[in-house]
């Protein structure tokens, strides 16, 4: 019995050390992820507009996520980190415009930003403090205008279906790097253009070719839904949570 306990303890210690080793391992690159609000809202769960006002009909930042070259990623790396909204007070207007929340119930965005900072930003402490993390996301957003890139190629948020390859080509033509495309599925089971992944170097400043592509789950052609008076949204009836 004592031998069995010693073996079990030994195994648990090894597992713990493995987890600690992984969590402390330095990341390789960032995914810079932007989402289309029309697709976020156009599901059975729907969405809620922020208390600060309805977002623009444009791609919004979901996050800046540290990743490893093997496709895995760290998360929640420092339990001592606490989000402090006062540290990003000068960025508030930019965050409300370019990094808005669509989760329900409606909020001012602080819960969403706190989630992104503690889950992802805490794993990039070697590069950014809290202010630097959100500033980097806003700087990258200024570098990349996805909607303009798509519309210049005749791909518009009009509820029509477009080739995934054409979408990728349009973005690559505009920014010089191939994107990763993630789709969701609406209530009618149509695949939609949901999120666009771009890869950024370890410094969080320069776009690079992706070392590993994100999972896609897209059909050959996908819908680019509208967002606005013709889009699906809700203010009260959803519990759609942030990723």
Protein backbone atom coordinates (compact mmCIF):
# COMPACT_ATOMS: atom_id res chain seq x y z
CA UNK A 1 0.00 0.00 0.00
CA UNK A 2 2.81 2.39 0.93
CA UNK A 3 4.60 1.57 -2.33
CA UNK A 4 1.47 2.36 -4.33
CA UNK A 5 1.12 5.70 -2.57
CA UNK A 6 4.75 6.56 -3.27
CA UNK A 7 4.30 5.71 -6.96
CA UNK A 8 1.14 7.83 -7.15
CA UNK A 9 2.84 10.79 -5.46
CA UNK A 10 5.80 10.45 -7.80
CA UNK A 11 3.52 10.52 -10.85
CA UNK A 12 1.64 13.57 -9.53
CA UNK A 13 4.90 15.43 -8.89
CA UNK A 14 6.09 14.71 -12.44
CA UNK A 15 2.79 15.93 -13.86
CA UNK A 16 2.95 19.10 -11.77
CA UNK A 17 6.51 19.83 -12.87
CA UNK A 18 5.50 19.27 -16.49
CA UNK A 19 2.64 21.75 -16.20
CA UNK A 20 4.87 24.31 -14.51
CA UNK A 21 7.49 23.87 -17.20
CA UNK A 22 4.94 24.41 -19.98
CA UNK A 23 3.38 27.43 -18.32
CA UNK A 24 6.77 29.10 -17.83
CA UNK A 25 7.98 28.39 -21.37
CA UNK A 26 8.45 31.53 -23.43
CA UNK A 27 5.99 31.88 -26.30
CA UNK A 28 7.03 32.10 -29.97
CA UNK A 29 4.59 34.48 -31.64
CA UNK A 30 1.19 36.13 -31.31
CA UNK A 31 -2.11 35.55 -33.04
CA UNK A 32 -3.76 38.90 -33.67
CA UNK A 33 -7.44 38.02 -33.99
CA UNK A 34 -10.20 40.20 -35.36
CA UNK A 35 -13.86 39.19 -35.51
CA UNK A 36 -16.77 40.24 -37.69
CA UNK A 37 -19.64 41.47 -35.46
CA UNK A 38 -22.30 40.37 -37.95
CA UNK A 39 -21.21 36.75 -37.56
CA UNK A 40 -20.88 36.96 -33.78
CA UNK A 41 -24.43 38.26 -33.58
CA UNK A 42 -25.99 36.10 -36.30
CA UNK A 43 -26.41 32.93 -34.28
CA UNK A 44 -29.14 31.50 -32.09
CA UNK A 45 -27.38 32.93 -29.04
CA UNK A 46 -27.17 36.38 -30.63
CA UNK A 47 -25.29 39.26 -28.95
CA UNK A 48 -25.59 42.43 -26.92
CA UNK A 49 -24.29 45.87 -27.78
CA UNK A 50 -21.93 47.57 -25.33
CA UNK A 51 -23.38 50.10 -22.91
CA UNK A 52 -21.02 52.61 -24.50
CA UNK A 53 -22.84 52.38 -27.84
CA UNK A 54 -23.31 50.16 -30.85
CA UNK A 55 -20.04 49.09 -32.51
CA UNK A 56 -19.25 50.16 -36.03
CA UNK A 57 -19.93 47.79 -38.90
CA UNK A 58 -16.27 46.83 -39.01
CA UNK A 59 -13.94 44.13 -37.77
CA UNK A 60 -13.19 44.42 -34.07
CA UNK A 61 -10.26 43.06 -32.12
CA UNK A 62 -10.86 39.83 -30.24
CA UNK A 63 -7.40 39.51 -28.83
CA UNK A 64 -3.62 39.37 -29.06
CA UNK A 65 -2.74 35.82 -28.05
CA UNK A 66 0.72 34.37 -27.33
CA UNK A 67 1.26 31.03 -29.07
CA UNK A 68 3.84 28.33 -29.55
CA UNK A 69 5.16 27.13 -32.91
CA UNK A 70 3.72 23.66 -32.26
CA UNK A 71 0.14 25.00 -32.21
CA UNK A 72 -0.33 25.00 -28.43
CA UNK A 73 -0.59 28.14 -26.34
CA UNK A 74 -0.12 29.34 -22.76
CA UNK A 75 -2.95 30.88 -20.76
CA UNK A 76 -3.56 32.42 -17.33
CA UNK A 77 0.17 32.50 -16.69
CA UNK A 78 0.29 34.71 -13.60
CA UNK A 79 -2.44 34.42 -10.97
CA UNK A 80 -1.10 37.53 -9.22
CA UNK A 81 -1.99 39.72 -12.21
CA UNK A 82 -5.09 41.83 -11.80
CA UNK A 83 -6.65 44.00 -14.48
CA UNK A 84 -6.63 47.69 -13.57
CA UNK A 85 -8.81 49.81 -15.84
CA UNK A 86 -7.11 52.99 -14.62
CA UNK A 87 -3.90 51.89 -16.35
CA UNK A 88 -5.57 52.08 -19.77
CA UNK A 89 -7.80 55.12 -19.21
CA UNK A 90 -6.06 57.00 -22.03
CA UNK A 91 -6.83 54.11 -24.41
CA UNK A 92 -10.54 53.82 -23.55
CA UNK A 93 -11.93 55.58 -26.62
CA UNK A 94 -9.76 53.46 -28.93
CA UNK A 95 -10.69 50.25 -27.14
CA UNK A 96 -14.39 51.06 -27.27
CA UNK A 97 -14.13 51.62 -31.00
CA UNK A 98 -11.69 48.93 -32.09
CA UNK A 99 -11.84 46.34 -29.26
CA UNK A 100 -15.54 46.31 -28.31
CA UNK A 101 -17.42 43.60 -26.45
CA UNK A 102 -20.52 41.94 -27.86
CA UNK A 103 -21.08 39.57 -24.95
CA UNK A 104 -24.28 39.55 -22.94
CA UNK A 105 -25.31 41.12 -20.71
CA UNK A 106 -24.27 44.53 -22.05
CA UNK A 107 -21.21 46.02 -20.38
CA UNK A 108 -18.70 48.82 -20.78
CA UNK A 109 -15.97 46.44 -22.01
CA UNK A 110 -13.93 46.19 -18.82
CA UNK A 111 -14.92 42.57 -18.17
CA UNK A 112 -13.89 41.58 -21.69
CA UNK A 113 -10.57 43.44 -21.51
CA UNK A 114 -9.88 41.99 -18.07
CA UNK A 115 -10.44 38.51 -19.50
CA UNK A 116 -8.06 39.12 -22.40
CA UNK A 117 -5.37 40.57 -20.12
CA UNK A 118 -5.48 37.85 -17.45
CA UNK A 119 -5.83 34.91 -19.86
CA UNK A 120 -3.52 36.05 -22.66
CA UNK A 121 -1.69 39.21 -21.66
CA UNK A 122 -0.36 37.61 -18.49
CA UNK A 123 1.60 35.22 -20.71
CA UNK A 124 3.41 38.08 -22.45
CA UNK A 125 4.71 39.89 -19.35
CA UNK A 126 8.23 39.64 -20.73
CA UNK A 127 7.12 41.93 -23.57
CA UNK A 128 4.26 44.07 -22.28
CA UNK A 129 2.75 45.55 -19.18
CA UNK A 130 -1.02 46.01 -19.21
CA UNK A 131 -0.96 49.35 -21.02
CA UNK A 132 1.59 48.11 -23.54
CA UNK A 133 -0.50 45.03 -24.30
CA UNK A 134 -3.62 46.95 -25.24
CA UNK A 135 -1.63 49.65 -27.01
CA UNK A 136 -0.02 46.96 -29.15
CA UNK A 137 -3.42 45.60 -30.15
CA UNK A 138 -4.63 49.04 -31.16
CA UNK A 139 -1.42 49.72 -33.10
CA UNK A 140 -1.85 46.48 -35.05
CA UNK A 141 -5.46 47.33 -35.78
CA UNK A 142 -4.30 50.59 -37.36
CA UNK A 143 -1.92 48.62 -39.58
CA UNK A 144 -4.61 46.24 -40.81
CA UNK A 145 -7.91 47.34 -42.32
CA UNK A 146 -9.57 44.03 -43.15
CA UNK A 147 -12.89 45.44 -44.30
CA UNK A 148 -11.19 47.79 -46.74
CA UNK A 149 -9.04 44.95 -48.06
CA UNK A 150 -12.09 42.77 -48.68
CA UNK A 151 -14.29 45.47 -50.15
CA UNK A 152 -11.50 46.49 -52.53
CA UNK A 153 -11.69 42.94 -53.87
CA UNK A 154 -15.48 43.09 -54.22
CA UNK A 155 -16.13 41.09 -51.06
CA UNK A 156 -18.73 42.91 -49.01
CA UNK A 157 -20.82 42.22 -45.88
CA UNK A 158 -24.01 41.81 -47.88
CA UNK A 159 -25.16 38.36 -46.82
CA UNK A 160 -23.72 36.72 -49.93
CA UNK A 161 -21.37 33.75 -50.11
CA UNK A 162 -17.73 34.11 -51.08
CA UNK A 163 -14.89 31.70 -51.70
CA UNK A 164 -12.62 31.27 -48.68
CA UNK A 165 -9.63 31.32 -51.01
CA UNK A 166 -10.74 34.65 -52.51
CA UNK A 167 -11.07 36.08 -49.01
CA UNK A 168 -7.57 34.92 -48.10
CA UNK A 169 -6.14 36.24 -51.36
CA UNK A 170 -7.74 39.65 -50.85
CA UNK A 171 -6.27 40.01 -47.37
CA UNK A 172 -2.85 38.72 -48.39
CA UNK A 173 -2.79 41.12 -51.33
CA UNK A 174 -3.48 44.04 -48.98
CA UNK A 175 -1.13 43.23 -46.09
CA UNK A 176 1.45 40.88 -47.59
CA UNK A 177 0.78 37.89 -45.35
CA UNK A 178 -1.62 34.97 -45.55
CA UNK A 179 -4.40 35.03 -42.92
CA UNK A 180 -6.09 32.21 -41.10
CA UNK A 181 -9.87 32.19 -41.44
CA UNK A 182 -12.22 30.86 -38.77
CA UNK A 183 -15.90 30.29 -39.44
CA UNK A 184 -18.93 29.91 -37.24
CA UNK A 185 -22.33 28.48 -38.12
CA UNK A 186 -25.56 30.48 -38.06
CA UNK A 187 -29.04 29.27 -37.15
CA UNK A 188 -29.52 28.07 -40.74
CA UNK A 189 -26.28 26.07 -40.54
CA UNK A 190 -24.47 28.33 -42.98
CA UNK A 191 -20.74 28.78 -42.49
CA UNK A 192 -19.88 32.43 -41.92
CA UNK A 193 -16.75 34.55 -41.97
CA UNK A 194 -16.23 34.89 -38.23
CA UNK A 195 -12.60 35.59 -37.31
CA UNK A 196 -9.41 36.47 -39.13
CA UNK A 197 -6.08 35.39 -37.62
CA UNK A 198 -2.87 37.22 -38.45
CA UNK A 199 0.49 36.33 -36.98
CA UNK A 200 2.75 38.79 -35.22
CA UNK A 201 6.36 38.44 -34.10
CA UNK A 202 7.45 37.97 -30.49
CA UNK A 203 7.73 41.73 -30.00
CA UNK A 204 4.06 42.19 -30.82
CA UNK A 205 4.77 44.79 -33.48
CA UNK A 206 5.45 43.16 -36.86
CA UNK A 207 3.22 40.96 -38.98
CA UNK A 208 4.81 37.67 -40.03
CA UNK A 209 3.88 34.51 -41.89
CA UNK A 210 2.07 32.17 -39.53
CA UNK A 211 4.28 29.37 -38.13
CA UNK A 212 1.11 27.31 -37.72
CA UNK A 213 -2.35 27.93 -39.12
CA UNK A 214 -5.37 28.06 -36.78
CA UNK A 215 -8.14 25.51 -37.20
CA UNK A 216 -10.64 26.57 -39.84
CA UNK A 217 -13.84 24.52 -40.12
CA UNK A 218 -14.93 26.54 -43.13
CA UNK A 219 -16.75 25.33 -46.20
CA UNK A 220 -15.59 26.15 -49.72
CA UNK A 221 -17.84 29.21 -49.79
CA UNK A 222 -18.87 31.16 -46.71
CA UNK A 223 -21.36 33.88 -45.91
CA UNK A 224 -20.28 37.42 -45.14
CA UNK A 225 -23.33 38.60 -43.14
CA UNK A 226 -24.39 42.20 -42.79
CA UNK A 227 -24.21 44.01 -39.48
CA UNK A 228 -26.61 46.77 -38.56
CA UNK A 229 -30.29 47.21 -39.16
CA UNK A 230 -30.41 44.02 -41.23
CA UNK A 231 -28.22 41.99 -38.88
CA UNK A 232 -29.40 39.78 -36.04
CA UNK A 233 -28.72 41.16 -32.56
CA UNK A 234 -30.26 41.29 -29.13
CA UNK A 235 -29.89 43.30 -25.97
CA UNK A 236 -31.50 41.07 -23.39
CA UNK A 237 -31.89 37.46 -24.41
CA UNK A 238 -28.40 36.02 -24.58
CA UNK A 239 -25.58 34.71 -22.44
CA UNK A 240 -22.98 34.61 -25.22
CA UNK A 241 -19.63 34.57 -23.43
CA UNK A 242 -16.16 35.65 -24.50
CA UNK A 243 -13.62 33.07 -25.64
